[in-house]
Amino acid sequence: ENYFEQPKQALLVMKAAVFDFAHVHRLFAEAKHFRRWFEGPEPPRDVIADSGREVCRRWDYIGGTLETKAFHWEDGNTYLALRALSWARGYDLNSLRGHLQTSLDNLKLLLDEPLEEEE
């Protein structure tokens, strides 16, 4: 545990969207595509976990992580979500809500664009 006895804050934003999971995964996992849609101060960096539908990146700016998620919900729809987790004392995670919502809007605009192949 890197943050022993420090309280954790979490912020989740979601947006319904129609997408191909493999396409979204590339937008989440590949740095060049991630930079195209992420909006916020000092973007998250290294991928620290990748499940194929979720990618978690280290985010030093907030003293935590950013999880990018794509999933089916019980209402039958598919959703994109971003969850920021912070262990930084005195940081107001809610100050990122607008940035994360804008990021999801940007991501949704890229869902139908073809992605260049990896080199």
PDB file of N, CA and C in Angstrom:
ATOM      1  N   GLU A   1       0.854  -1.182   0.000  1.00  0.00           N
ATOM      2  CA  GLU A   1       0.000   0.000   0.000  1.00  0.00           C
ATOM      3  C   GLU A   1       0.892   1.235   0.000  1.00  0.00           C
ATOM      4  N   ASN A   2       0.807   2.031  -1.036  1.00  0.00           N
ATOM      5  CA  ASN A   2       1.606   3.251  -1.123  1.00  0.00           C
ATOM      6  C   ASN A   2       1.064   4.388  -0.270  1.00  0.00           C
ATOM      7  N   TYR A   3      -0.177   4.297   0.144  1.00  0.00           N
ATOM      8  CA  TYR A   3      -0.827   5.411   0.817  1.00  0.00           C
ATOM      9  C   TYR A   3      -1.384   4.969   2.163  1.00  0.00           C
ATOM     10  N   PHE A   4      -0.581   4.317   2.952  1.00  0.00           N
ATOM     11  CA  PHE A   4      -1.001   3.772   4.239  1.00  0.00           C
ATOM     12  C   PHE A   4      -1.620   4.857   5.111  1.00  0.00           C
ATOM     13  N   GLU A   5      -2.813   4.569   5.604  1.00  0.00           N
ATOM     14  CA  GLU A   5      -3.572   5.432   6.506  1.00  0.00           C
ATOM     15  C   GLU A   5      -3.909   6.804   5.924  1.00  0.00           C
ATOM     16  N   GLN A   6      -3.936   6.924   4.607  1.00  0.00           N
ATOM     17  CA  GLN A   6      -4.380   8.166   3.981  1.00  0.00           C
ATOM     18  C   GLN A   6      -5.758   7.933   3.377  1.00  0.00           C
ATOM     19  N   PRO A   7      -6.698   8.828   3.631  1.00  0.00           N
ATOM     20  CA  PRO A   7      -8.039   8.642   3.074  1.00  0.00           C
ATOM     21  C   PRO A   7      -8.028   8.747   1.552  1.00  0.00           C
ATOM     22  N   LYS A   8      -8.867   7.941   0.934  1.00  0.00           N
ATOM     23  CA  LYS A   8      -8.976   7.916  -0.526  1.00  0.00           C
ATOM     24  C   LYS A   8     -10.201   8.711  -0.951  1.00  0.00           C
ATOM     25  N   GLN A   9     -10.051   9.502  -2.014  1.00  0.00           N
ATOM     26  CA  GLN A   9     -11.175  10.168  -2.663  1.00  0.00           C
ATOM     27  C   GLN A   9     -11.409   9.482  -4.003  1.00  0.00           C
ATOM     28  N   ALA A  10     -12.654   9.435  -4.424  1.00  0.00           N
ATOM     29  CA  ALA A  10     -12.971   8.861  -5.734  1.00  0.00           C
ATOM     30  C   ALA A  10     -13.974   9.763  -6.448  1.00  0.00           C
ATOM     31  N   LEU A  11     -13.807   9.863  -7.758  1.00  0.00           N
ATOM     32  CA  LEU A  11     -14.733  10.626  -8.599  1.00  0.00           C
ATOM     33  C   LEU A  11     -14.993   9.802  -9.849  1.00  0.00           C
ATOM     34  N   LEU A  12     -16.262   9.516 -10.129  1.00  0.00           N
ATOM     35  CA  LEU A  12     -16.652   8.712 -11.287  1.00  0.00           C
ATOM     36  C   LEU A  12     -17.558   9.538 -12.183  1.00  0.00           C
ATOM     37  N   VAL A  13     -17.232   9.575 -13.479  1.00  0.00           N
ATOM     38  CA  VAL A  13     -18.121  10.174 -14.475  1.00  0.00           C
ATOM     39  C   VAL A  13     -18.374   9.126 -15.550  1.00  0.00           C
ATOM     40  N   MET A  14     -19.625   9.065 -16.036  1.00  0.00           N
ATOM     41  CA  MET A  14     -20.019   8.048 -17.017  1.00  0.00           C
ATOM     42  C   MET A  14     -20.796   8.703 -18.149  1.00  0.00           C
ATOM     43  N   LYS A  15     -20.781   8.027 -19.304  1.00  0.00           N
ATOM     44  CA  LYS A  15     -21.547   8.493 -20.464  1.00  0.00           C
ATOM     45  C   LYS A  15     -21.956   7.275 -21.283  1.00  0.00           C
ATOM     46  N   ALA A  16     -23.244   7.196 -21.625  1.00  0.00           N
ATOM     47  CA  ALA A  16     -23.719   6.121 -22.498  1.00  0.00           C
ATOM     48  C   ALA A  16     -23.142   6.334 -23.892  1.00  0.00           C
ATOM     49  N   ALA A  17     -22.758   5.248 -24.538  1.00  0.00           N
ATOM     50  CA  ALA A  17     -22.181   5.333 -25.884  1.00  0.00           C
ATOM     51  C   ALA A  17     -22.277   3.973 -26.557  1.00  0.00           C
ATOM     52  N   VAL A  18     -22.288   3.991 -27.878  1.00  0.00           N
ATOM     53  CA  VAL A  18     -22.252   2.760 -28.666  1.00  0.00           C
ATOM     54  C   VAL A  18     -20.839   2.654 -29.216  1.00  0.00           C
ATOM     55  N   PHE A  19     -20.191   1.517 -28.980  1.00  0.00           N
ATOM     56  CA  PHE A  19     -18.794   1.392 -29.377  1.00  0.00           C
ATOM     57  C   PHE A  19     -18.388  -0.064 -29.522  1.00  0.00           C
ATOM     58  N   ASP A  20     -17.251  -0.247 -30.156  1.00  0.00           N
ATOM     59  CA  ASP A  20     -16.587  -1.536 -30.261  1.00  0.00           C
ATOM     60  C   ASP A  20     -15.531  -1.579 -29.153  1.00  0.00           C
ATOM     61  N   PHE A  21     -15.565  -2.622 -28.328  1.00  0.00           N
ATOM     62  CA  PHE A  21     -14.657  -2.688 -27.186  1.00  0.00           C
ATOM     63  C   PHE A  21     -13.186  -2.646 -27.601  1.00  0.00           C
ATOM     64  N   ALA A  22     -12.824  -3.316 -28.679  1.00  0.00           N
ATOM     65  CA  ALA A  22     -11.421  -3.331 -29.115  1.00  0.00           C
ATOM     66  C   ALA A  22     -10.962  -1.930 -29.530  1.00  0.00           C
ATOM     67  N   HIS A  23     -11.849  -1.202 -30.196  1.00  0.00           N
ATOM     68  CA  HIS A  23     -11.531   0.165 -30.628  1.00  0.00           C
ATOM     69  C   HIS A  23     -11.324   1.070 -29.411  1.00  0.00           C
ATOM     70  N   VAL A  24     -12.243   0.988 -28.463  1.00  0.00           N
ATOM     71  CA  VAL A  24     -12.148   1.814 -27.258  1.00  0.00           C
ATOM     72  C   VAL A  24     -10.886   1.462 -26.470  1.00  0.00           C
ATOM     73  N   HIS A  25     -10.565   0.180 -26.416  1.00  0.00           N
ATOM     74  CA  HIS A  25      -9.370  -0.217 -25.673  1.00  0.00           C
ATOM     75  C   HIS A  25      -8.126   0.464 -26.234  1.00  0.00           C
ATOM     76  N   ARG A  26      -8.028   0.552 -27.537  1.00  0.00           N
ATOM     77  CA  ARG A  26      -6.872   1.238 -28.139  1.00  0.00           C
ATOM     78  C   ARG A  26      -6.862   2.720 -27.763  1.00  0.00           C
ATOM     79  N   LEU A  27      -8.041   3.343 -27.732  1.00  0.00           N
ATOM     80  CA  LEU A  27      -8.118   4.752 -27.330  1.00  0.00           C
ATOM     81  C   LEU A  27      -7.701   4.937 -25.870  1.00  0.00           C
ATOM     82  N   PHE A  28      -7.961   3.947 -25.048  1.00  0.00           N
ATOM     83  CA  PHE A  28      -7.563   3.983 -23.642  1.00  0.00           C
ATOM     84  C   PHE A  28      -6.071   3.708 -23.460  1.00  0.00           C
ATOM     85  N   ALA A  29      -5.580   2.664 -24.125  1.00  0.00           N
ATOM     86  CA  ALA A  29      -4.263   2.108 -23.798  1.00  0.00           C
ATOM     87  C   ALA A  29      -3.093   2.732 -24.547  1.00  0.00           C
ATOM     88  N   GLU A  30      -3.300   3.139 -25.784  1.00  0.00           N
ATOM     89  CA  GLU A  30      -2.189   3.654 -26.585  1.00  0.00           C
ATOM     90  C   GLU A  30      -2.019   5.150 -26.329  1.00  0.00           C
ATOM     91  N   ALA A  31      -0.834   5.530 -25.906  1.00  0.00           N
ATOM     92  CA  ALA A  31      -0.565   6.912 -25.489  1.00  0.00           C
ATOM     93  C   ALA A  31      -0.934   7.934 -26.560  1.00  0.00           C
ATOM     94  N   LYS A  32      -0.624   7.638 -27.818  1.00  0.00           N
ATOM     95  CA  LYS A  32      -0.906   8.625 -28.876  1.00  0.00           C
ATOM     96  C   LYS A  32      -2.406   8.855 -29.032  1.00  0.00           C
ATOM     97  N   HIS A  33      -3.225   7.837 -28.802  1.00  0.00           N
ATOM     98  CA  HIS A  33      -4.679   8.003 -28.893  1.00  0.00           C
ATOM     99  C   HIS A  33      -5.238   8.616 -27.610  1.00  0.00           C
ATOM    100  N   PHE A  34      -4.695   8.211 -26.475  1.00  0.00           N
ATOM    101  CA  PHE A  34      -5.132   8.767 -25.189  1.00  0.00           C
ATOM    102  C   PHE A  34      -4.982  10.289 -25.190  1.00  0.00           C
ATOM    103  N   ARG A  35      -3.864  10.780 -25.699  1.00  0.00           N
ATOM    104  CA  ARG A  35      -3.616  12.229 -25.726  1.00  0.00           C
ATOM    105  C   ARG A  35      -4.617  12.975 -26.606  1.00  0.00           C
ATOM    106  N   ARG A  36      -5.241  12.296 -27.545  1.00  0.00           N
ATOM    107  CA  ARG A  36      -6.198  12.943 -28.454  1.00  0.00           C
ATOM    108  C   ARG A  36      -7.495  13.324 -27.754  1.00  0.00           C
ATOM    109  N   TRP A  37      -7.879  12.587 -26.738  1.00  0.00           N
ATOM    110  CA  TRP A  37      -9.170  12.854 -26.110  1.00  0.00           C
ATOM    111  C   TRP A  37      -9.094  13.325 -24.664  1.00  0.00           C
ATOM    112  N   PHE A  38      -8.009  13.050 -23.967  1.00  0.00           N
ATOM    113  CA  PHE A  38      -7.953  13.427 -22.549  1.00  0.00           C
ATOM    114  C   PHE A  38      -7.797  14.928 -22.398  1.00  0.00           C
ATOM    115  N   GLU A  39      -8.617  15.513 -21.549  1.00  0.00           N
ATOM    116  CA  GLU A  39      -8.614  16.948 -21.278  1.00  0.00           C
ATOM    117  C   GLU A  39      -8.392  17.126 -19.783  1.00  0.00           C
ATOM    118  N   GLY A  40      -7.331  17.789 -19.436  1.00  0.00           N
ATOM    119  CA  GLY A  40      -7.100  18.031 -18.015  1.00  0.00           C
ATOM    120  C   GLY A  40      -5.690  18.479 -17.745  1.00  0.00           C
ATOM    121  N   PRO A  41      -5.468  18.892 -16.511  1.00  0.00           N
ATOM    122  CA  PRO A  41      -4.132  19.337 -16.142  1.00  0.00           C
ATOM    123  C   PRO A  41      -3.189  18.145 -16.042  1.00  0.00           C
ATOM    124  N   GLU A  42      -1.994  18.316 -16.515  1.00  0.00           N
ATOM    125  CA  GLU A  42      -0.956  17.278 -16.463  1.00  0.00           C
ATOM    126  C   GLU A  42      -1.545  15.874 -16.595  1.00  0.00           C
ATOM    127  N   PRO A  43      -1.647  15.364 -17.802  1.00  0.00           N
ATOM    128  CA  PRO A  43      -2.324  14.081 -18.017  1.00  0.00           C
ATOM    129  C   PRO A  43      -1.660  12.911 -17.298  1.00  0.00           C
ATOM    130  N   PRO A  44      -2.455  11.892 -17.001  1.00  0.00           N
ATOM    131  CA  PRO A  44      -1.906  10.669 -16.410  1.00  0.00           C
ATOM    132  C   PRO A  44      -0.843  10.076 -17.325  1.00  0.00           C
ATOM    133  N   ARG A  45       0.047   9.292 -16.741  1.00  0.00           N
ATOM    134  CA  ARG A  45       1.177   8.777 -17.510  1.00  0.00           C
ATOM    135  C   ARG A  45       1.098   7.267 -17.693  1.00  0.00           C
ATOM    136  N   ASP A  46       1.983   6.574 -17.071  1.00  0.00           N
ATOM    137  CA  ASP A  46       2.187   5.149 -17.317  1.00  0.00           C
ATOM    138  C   ASP A  46       0.947   4.303 -17.064  1.00  0.00           C
ATOM    139  N   VAL A  47       0.729   3.326 -17.942  1.00  0.00           N
ATOM    140  CA  VAL A  47      -0.309   2.321 -17.705  1.00  0.00           C
ATOM    141  C   VAL A  47       0.217   1.391 -16.617  1.00  0.00           C
ATOM    142  N   ILE A  48      -0.577   1.231 -15.547  1.00  0.00           N
ATOM    143  CA  ILE A  48      -0.151   0.339 -14.471  1.00  0.00           C
ATOM    144  C   ILE A  48      -0.992  -0.931 -14.408  1.00  0.00           C
ATOM    145  N   ALA A  49      -2.123  -0.941 -15.117  1.00  0.00           N
ATOM    146  CA  ALA A  49      -2.949  -2.152 -15.193  1.00  0.00           C
ATOM    147  C   ALA A  49      -3.808  -2.067 -16.450  1.00  0.00           C
ATOM    148  N   ASP A  50      -4.040  -3.222 -17.069  1.00  0.00           N
ATOM    149  CA  ASP A  50      -4.826  -3.285 -18.301  1.00  0.00           C
ATOM    150  C   ASP A  50      -5.571  -4.611 -18.327  1.00  0.00           C
ATOM    151  N   SER A  51      -6.903  -4.548 -18.217  1.00  0.00           N
ATOM    152  CA  SER A  51      -7.716  -5.767 -18.206  1.00  0.00           C
ATOM    153  C   SER A  51      -8.294  -6.097 -19.577  1.00  0.00           C
ATOM    154  N   GLY A  52      -8.072  -5.231 -20.563  1.00  0.00           N
ATOM    155  CA  GLY A  52      -8.674  -5.420 -21.873  1.00  0.00           C
ATOM    156  C   GLY A  52      -9.915  -4.564 -22.070  1.00  0.00           C
ATOM    157  N   ARG A  53     -10.599  -4.239 -20.989  1.00  0.00           N
ATOM    158  CA  ARG A  53     -11.741  -3.322 -21.042  1.00  0.00           C
ATOM    159  C   ARG A  53     -11.532  -2.109 -20.154  1.00  0.00           C
ATOM    160  N   GLU A  54     -10.604  -2.226 -19.249  1.00  0.00           N
ATOM    161  CA  GLU A  54     -10.262  -1.120 -18.367  1.00  0.00           C
ATOM    162  C   GLU A  54      -8.752  -0.934 -18.390  1.00  0.00           C
ATOM    163  N   VAL A  55      -8.342   0.321 -18.354  1.00  0.00           N
ATOM    164  CA  VAL A  55      -6.921   0.651 -18.291  1.00  0.00           C
ATOM    165  C   VAL A  55      -6.746   1.633 -17.136  1.00  0.00           C
ATOM    166  N   CYS A  56      -5.766   1.369 -16.301  1.00  0.00           N
ATOM    167  CA  CYS A  56      -5.474   2.237 -15.163  1.00  0.00           C
ATOM    168  C   CYS A  56      -4.115   2.892 -15.391  1.00  0.00           C
ATOM    169  N   ARG A  57      -4.087   4.209 -15.247  1.00  0.00           N
ATOM    170  CA  ARG A  57      -2.846   4.980 -15.432  1.00  0.00           C
ATOM    171  C   ARG A  57      -2.470   5.694 -14.133  1.00  0.00           C
ATOM    172  N   ARG A  58      -1.175   5.779 -13.896  1.00  0.00           N
ATOM    173  CA  ARG A  58      -0.668   6.548 -12.764  1.00  0.00           C
ATOM    174  C   ARG A  58      -0.882   8.030 -13.062  1.00  0.00           C
ATOM    175  N   TRP A  59      -1.402   8.763 -12.064  1.00  0.00           N
ATOM    176  CA  TRP A  59      -1.663  10.189 -12.236  1.00  0.00           C
ATOM    177  C   TRP A  59      -1.049  10.951 -11.070  1.00  0.00           C
ATOM    178  N   ASP A  60       0.205  11.315 -11.231  1.00  0.00           N
ATOM    179  CA  ASP A  60       0.947  11.989 -10.170  1.00  0.00           C
ATOM    180  C   ASP A  60       0.325  13.328  -9.789  1.00  0.00           C
ATOM    181  N   TYR A  61      -0.264  14.026 -10.742  1.00  0.00           N
ATOM    182  CA  TYR A  61      -0.845  15.346 -10.493  1.00  0.00           C
ATOM    183  C   TYR A  61      -1.867  15.313  -9.357  1.00  0.00           C
ATOM    184  N   ILE A  62      -2.640  14.227  -9.265  1.00  0.00           N
ATOM    185  CA  ILE A  62      -3.656  14.125  -8.214  1.00  0.00           C
ATOM    186  C   ILE A  62      -3.219  13.203  -7.085  1.00  0.00           C
ATOM    187  N   GLY A  63      -2.023  12.664  -7.182  1.00  0.00           N
ATOM    188  CA  GLY A  63      -1.562  11.728  -6.160  1.00  0.00           C
ATOM    189  C   GLY A  63      -2.365  10.449  -6.190  1.00  0.00           C
ATOM    190  N   GLY A  64      -2.595   9.923  -7.389  1.00  0.00           N
ATOM    191  CA  GLY A  64      -3.412   8.721  -7.495  1.00  0.00           C
ATOM    192  C   GLY A  64      -3.414   8.127  -8.880  1.00  0.00           C
ATOM    193  N   THR A  65      -4.611   7.736  -9.335  1.00  0.00           N
ATOM    194  CA  THR A  65      -4.745   7.034 -10.607  1.00  0.00           C
ATOM    195  C   THR A  65      -5.975   7.517 -11.372  1.00  0.00           C
ATOM    196  N   LEU A  66      -5.986   7.204 -12.671  1.00  0.00           N
ATOM    197  CA  LEU A  66      -7.168   7.386 -13.509  1.00  0.00           C
ATOM    198  C   LEU A  66      -7.499   6.038 -14.123  1.00  0.00           C
ATOM    199  N   GLU A  67      -8.716   5.573 -13.895  1.00  0.00           N
ATOM    200  CA  GLU A  67      -9.200   4.333 -14.501  1.00  0.00           C
ATOM    201  C   GLU A  67     -10.106   4.695 -15.668  1.00  0.00           C
ATOM    202  N   THR A  68      -9.840   4.099 -16.831  1.00  0.00           N
ATOM    203  CA  THR A  68     -10.691   4.275 -18.006  1.00  0.00           C
ATOM    204  C   THR A  68     -11.471   2.984 -18.180  1.00  0.00           C
ATOM    205  N   LYS A  69     -12.778   3.086 -18.340  1.00  0.00           N
ATOM    206  CA  LYS A  69     -13.641   1.907 -18.311  1.00  0.00           C
ATOM    207  C   LYS A  69     -14.616   1.895 -19.485  1.00  0.00           C
ATOM    208  N   ALA A  70     -14.908   0.688 -19.969  1.00  0.00           N
ATOM    209  CA  ALA A  70     -15.937   0.466 -20.991  1.00  0.00           C
ATOM    210  C   ALA A  70     -16.697  -0.785 -20.559  1.00  0.00           C
ATOM    211  N   PHE A  71     -18.036  -0.696 -20.474  1.00  0.00           N
ATOM    212  CA  PHE A  71     -18.776  -1.833 -19.923  1.00  0.00           C
ATOM    213  C   PHE A  71     -20.242  -1.826 -20.349  1.00  0.00           C
ATOM    214  N   HIS A  72     -20.862  -2.997 -20.211  1.00  0.00           N
ATOM    215  CA  HIS A  72     -22.312  -3.151 -20.362  1.00  0.00           C
ATOM    216  C   HIS A  72     -22.932  -2.895 -18.999  1.00  0.00           C
ATOM    217  N   TRP A  73     -24.058  -2.195 -18.972  1.00  0.00           N
ATOM    218  CA  TRP A  73     -24.767  -1.931 -17.724  1.00  0.00           C
ATOM    219  C   TRP A  73     -26.053  -2.733 -17.724  1.00  0.00           C
ATOM    220  N   GLU A  74     -26.628  -2.880 -16.570  1.00  0.00           N
ATOM    221  CA  GLU A  74     -27.842  -3.692 -16.427  1.00  0.00           C
ATOM    222  C   GLU A  74     -29.026  -3.148 -17.216  1.00  0.00           C
ATOM    223  N   ASP A  75     -28.977  -1.876 -17.643  1.00  0.00           N
ATOM    224  CA  ASP A  75     -30.069  -1.312 -18.439  1.00  0.00           C
ATOM    225  C   ASP A  75     -29.964  -1.694 -19.916  1.00  0.00           C
ATOM    226  N   GLY A  76     -28.937  -2.487 -20.267  1.00  0.00           N
ATOM    227  CA  GLY A  76     -28.761  -2.944 -21.641  1.00  0.00           C
ATOM    228  C   GLY A  76     -27.880  -2.048 -22.493  1.00  0.00           C
ATOM    229  N   ASN A  77     -27.504  -0.901 -21.967  1.00  0.00           N
ATOM    230  CA  ASN A  77     -26.648   0.032 -22.699  1.00  0.00           C
ATOM    231  C   ASN A  77     -25.177  -0.222 -22.400  1.00  0.00           C
ATOM    232  N   THR A  78     -24.325   0.338 -23.247  1.00  0.00           N
ATOM    233  CA  THR A  78     -22.892   0.316 -22.976  1.00  0.00           C
ATOM    234  C   THR A  78     -22.470   1.715 -22.543  1.00  0.00           C
ATOM    235  N   TYR A  79     -21.472   1.757 -21.681  1.00  0.00           N
ATOM    236  CA  TYR A  79     -21.031   3.017 -21.098  1.00  0.00           C
ATOM    237  C   TYR A  79     -19.522   3.144 -21.148  1.00  0.00           C
ATOM    238  N   LEU A  80     -19.087   4.385 -21.230  1.00  0.00           N
ATOM    239  CA  LEU A  80     -17.700   4.763 -21.023  1.00  0.00           C
ATOM    240  C   LEU A  80     -17.647   5.457 -19.672  1.00  0.00           C
ATOM    241  N   ALA A  81     -16.579   5.253 -18.931  1.00  0.00           N
ATOM    242  CA  ALA A  81     -16.460   5.901 -17.629  1.00  0.00           C
ATOM    243  C   ALA A  81     -15.003   6.213 -17.326  1.00  0.00           C
ATOM    244  N   LEU A  82     -14.832   7.244 -16.526  1.00  0.00           N
ATOM    245  CA  LEU A  82     -13.526   7.606 -15.997  1.00  0.00           C
ATOM    246  C   LEU A  82     -13.665   7.700 -14.486  1.00  0.00           C
ATOM    247  N   ARG A  83     -12.744   7.043 -13.785  1.00  0.00           N
ATOM    248  CA  ARG A  83     -12.747   7.137 -12.325  1.00  0.00           C
ATOM    249  C   ARG A  83     -11.370   7.593 -11.868  1.00  0.00           C
ATOM    250  N   ALA A  84     -11.358   8.737 -11.209  1.00  0.00           N
ATOM    251  CA  ALA A  84     -10.126   9.259 -10.624  1.00  0.00           C
ATOM    252  C   ALA A  84     -10.099   8.861  -9.157  1.00  0.00           C
ATOM    253  N   LEU A  85      -8.958   8.372  -8.707  1.00  0.00           N
ATOM    254  CA  LEU A  85      -8.743   8.025  -7.306  1.00  0.00           C
ATOM    255  C   LEU A  85      -7.546   8.821  -6.816  1.00  0.00           C
ATOM    256  N   SER A  86      -7.700   9.476  -5.668  1.00  0.00           N
ATOM    257  CA  SER A  86      -6.615  10.293  -5.127  1.00  0.00           C
ATOM    258  C   SER A  86      -6.450  10.032  -3.639  1.00  0.00           C
ATOM    259  N   TRP A  87      -5.197   9.985  -3.242  1.00  0.00           N
ATOM    260  CA  TRP A  87      -4.849   9.855  -1.830  1.00  0.00           C
ATOM    261  C   TRP A  87      -4.157  11.119  -1.337  1.00  0.00           C
ATOM    262  N   ALA A  88      -4.138  12.174  -2.150  1.00  0.00           N
ATOM    263  CA  ALA A  88      -3.452  13.417  -1.791  1.00  0.00           C
ATOM    264  C   ALA A  88      -4.274  14.189  -0.763  1.00  0.00           C
ATOM    265  N   ARG A  89      -3.636  14.579   0.291  1.00  0.00           N
ATOM    266  CA  ARG A  89      -4.320  15.376   1.321  1.00  0.00           C
ATOM    267  C   ARG A  89      -4.543  16.790   0.792  1.00  0.00           C
ATOM    268  N   GLY A  90      -5.752  17.297   0.998  1.00  0.00           N
ATOM    269  CA  GLY A  90      -6.044  18.667   0.625  1.00  0.00           C
ATOM    270  C   GLY A  90      -6.368  18.892  -0.845  1.00  0.00           C
ATOM    271  N   TYR A  91      -6.388  17.839  -1.658  1.00  0.00           N
ATOM    272  CA  TYR A  91      -6.717  18.008  -3.075  1.00  0.00           C
ATOM    273  C   TYR A  91      -8.217  17.817  -3.260  1.00  0.00           C
ATOM    274  N   ASP A  92      -8.871  18.750  -3.952  1.00  0.00           N
ATOM    275  CA  ASP A  92     -10.310  18.655  -4.205  1.00  0.00           C
ATOM    276  C   ASP A  92     -10.531  17.933  -5.528  1.00  0.00           C
ATOM    277  N   LEU A  93     -10.807  16.656  -5.456  1.00  0.00           N
ATOM    278  CA  LEU A  93     -10.983  15.848  -6.657  1.00  0.00           C
ATOM    279  C   LEU A  93     -12.163  16.332  -7.498  1.00  0.00           C
ATOM    280  N   ASN A  94     -13.162  16.928  -6.863  1.00  0.00           N
ATOM    281  CA  ASN A  94     -14.316  17.439  -7.618  1.00  0.00           C
ATOM    282  C   ASN A  94     -13.932  18.548  -8.592  1.00  0.00           C
ATOM    283  N   SER A  95     -12.774  19.163  -8.401  1.00  0.00           N
ATOM    284  CA  SER A  95     -12.330  20.205  -9.329  1.00  0.00           C
ATOM    285  C   SER A  95     -12.036  19.630 -10.714  1.00  0.00           C
ATOM    286  N   LEU A  96     -11.930  18.310 -10.816  1.00  0.00           N
ATOM    287  CA  LEU A  96     -11.661  17.654 -12.100  1.00  0.00           C
ATOM    288  C   LEU A  96     -12.922  17.224 -12.842  1.00  0.00           C
ATOM    289  N   ARG A  97     -14.076  17.334 -12.214  1.00  0.00           N
ATOM    290  CA  ARG A  97     -15.310  16.821 -12.821  1.00  0.00           C
ATOM    291  C   ARG A  97     -15.518  17.361 -14.242  1.00  0.00           C
ATOM    292  N   GLY A  98     -15.398  18.646 -14.440  1.00  0.00           N
ATOM    293  CA  GLY A  98     -15.586  19.236 -15.770  1.00  0.00           C
ATOM    294  C   GLY A  98     -14.583  18.710 -16.781  1.00  0.00           C
ATOM    295  N   HIS A  99     -13.319  18.570 -16.366  1.00  0.00           N
ATOM    296  CA  HIS A  99     -12.288  18.034 -17.263  1.00  0.00           C
ATOM    297  C   HIS A  99     -12.615  16.599 -17.676  1.00  0.00           C
ATOM    298  N   LEU A 100     -13.058  15.797 -16.714  1.00  0.00           N
ATOM    299  CA  LEU A 100     -13.355  14.396 -17.026  1.00  0.00           C
ATOM    300  C   LEU A 100     -14.587  14.279 -17.920  1.00  0.00           C
ATOM    301  N   GLN A 101     -15.591  15.114 -17.686  1.00  0.00           N
ATOM    302  CA  GLN A 101     -16.772  15.086 -18.554  1.00  0.00           C
ATOM    303  C   GLN A 101     -16.414  15.523 -19.973  1.00  0.00           C
ATOM    304  N   THR A 102     -15.585  16.551 -20.095  1.00  0.00           N
ATOM    305  CA  THR A 102     -15.120  16.980 -21.419  1.00  0.00           C
ATOM    306  C   THR A 102     -14.318  15.873 -22.085  1.00  0.00           C
ATOM    307  N   SER A 103     -13.505  15.180 -21.314  1.00  0.00           N
ATOM    308  CA  SER A 103     -12.722  14.062 -21.858  1.00  0.00           C
ATOM    309  C   SER A 103     -13.631  12.986 -22.427  1.00  0.00           C
ATOM    310  N   LEU A 104     -14.705  12.648 -21.706  1.00  0.00           N
ATOM    311  CA  LEU A 104     -15.646  11.645 -22.225  1.00  0.00           C
ATOM    312  C   LEU A 104     -16.338  12.142 -23.490  1.00  0.00           C
ATOM    313  N   ASP A 105     -16.678  13.418 -23.541  1.00  0.00           N
ATOM    314  CA  ASP A 105     -17.271  13.981 -24.763  1.00  0.00           C
ATOM    315  C   ASP A 105     -16.293  13.856 -25.928  1.00  0.00           C
ATOM    316  N   ASN A 106     -15.029  14.203 -25.683  1.00  0.00           N
ATOM    317  CA  ASN A 106     -13.998  14.080 -26.723  1.00  0.00           C
ATOM    318  C   ASN A 106     -13.833  12.633 -27.166  1.00  0.00           C
ATOM    319  N   LEU A 107     -13.809  11.722 -26.205  1.00  0.00           N
ATOM    320  CA  LEU A 107     -13.658  10.296 -26.501  1.00  0.00           C
ATOM    321  C   LEU A 107     -14.811   9.807 -27.368  1.00  0.00           C
ATOM    322  N   LYS A 108     -16.018  10.214 -27.021  1.00  0.00           N
ATOM    323  CA  LYS A 108     -17.198   9.784 -27.776  1.00  0.00           C
ATOM    324  C   LYS A 108     -17.117  10.233 -29.237  1.00  0.00           C
ATOM    325  N   LEU A 109     -16.534  11.405 -29.481  1.00  0.00           N
ATOM    326  CA  LEU A 109     -16.384  11.898 -30.853  1.00  0.00           C
ATOM    327  C   LEU A 109     -15.415  11.045 -31.674  1.00  0.00           C
ATOM    328  N   LEU A 110     -14.513  10.344 -31.017  1.00  0.00           N
ATOM    329  CA  LEU A 110     -13.513   9.527 -31.712  1.00  0.00           C
ATOM    330  C   LEU A 110     -13.955   8.086 -31.949  1.00  0.00           C
ATOM    331  N   LEU A 111     -15.116   7.710 -31.443  1.00  0.00           N
ATOM    332  CA  LEU A 111     -15.533   6.305 -31.501  1.00  0.00           C
ATOM    333  C   LEU A 111     -15.716   5.780 -32.916  1.00  0.00           C
ATOM    334  N   ASP A 112     -16.087   6.642 -33.840  1.00  0.00           N
ATOM    335  CA  ASP A 112     -16.320   6.194 -35.212  1.00  0.00           C
ATOM    336  C   ASP A 112     -15.146   6.470 -36.141  1.00  0.00           C
ATOM    337  N   GLU A 113     -14.108   7.098 -35.624  1.00  0.00           N
ATOM    338  CA  GLU A 113     -12.938   7.384 -36.461  1.00  0.00           C
ATOM    339  C   GLU A 113     -12.033   6.161 -36.538  1.00  0.00           C
ATOM    340  N   PRO A 114     -11.557   5.833 -37.733  1.00  0.00           N
ATOM    341  CA  PRO A 114     -10.595   4.726 -37.827  1.00  0.00           C
ATOM    342  C   PRO A 114      -9.281   5.133 -37.158  1.00  0.00           C
ATOM    343  N   LEU A 115      -8.621   4.160 -36.554  1.00  0.00           N
ATOM    344  CA  LEU A 115      -7.336   4.408 -35.910  1.00  0.00           C
ATOM    345  C   LEU A 115      -6.225   3.874 -36.787  1.00  0.00           C
ATOM    346  N   GLU A 116      -5.138   4.610 -36.869  1.00  0.00           N
ATOM    347  CA  GLU A 116      -4.008   4.120 -37.651  1.00  0.00           C
ATOM    348  C   GLU A 116      -3.431   2.892 -36.957  1.00  0.00           C
ATOM    349  N   GLU A 117      -2.904   2.009 -37.762  1.00  0.00           N
ATOM    350  CA  GLU A 117      -2.338   0.775 -37.224  1.00  0.00           C
ATOM    351  C   GLU A 117      -1.048   1.064 -36.485  1.00  0.00           C
ATOM    352  N   GLU A 118      -0.756   0.211 -35.516  1.00  0.00           N
ATOM    353  CA  GLU A 118       0.502   0.328 -34.770  1.00  0.00           C
ATOM    354  C   GLU A 118       1.663   0.064 -35.698  1.00  0.00           C
ATOM    355  N   GLU A 119       2.758   0.726 -35.435  1.00  0.00           N
ATOM    356  CA  GLU A 119       3.952   0.554 -36.271  1.00  0.00           C
ATOM    357  C   GLU A 119       4.876  -0.474 -35.671  1.00  0.00           C
TER     358      GLU A 119
END
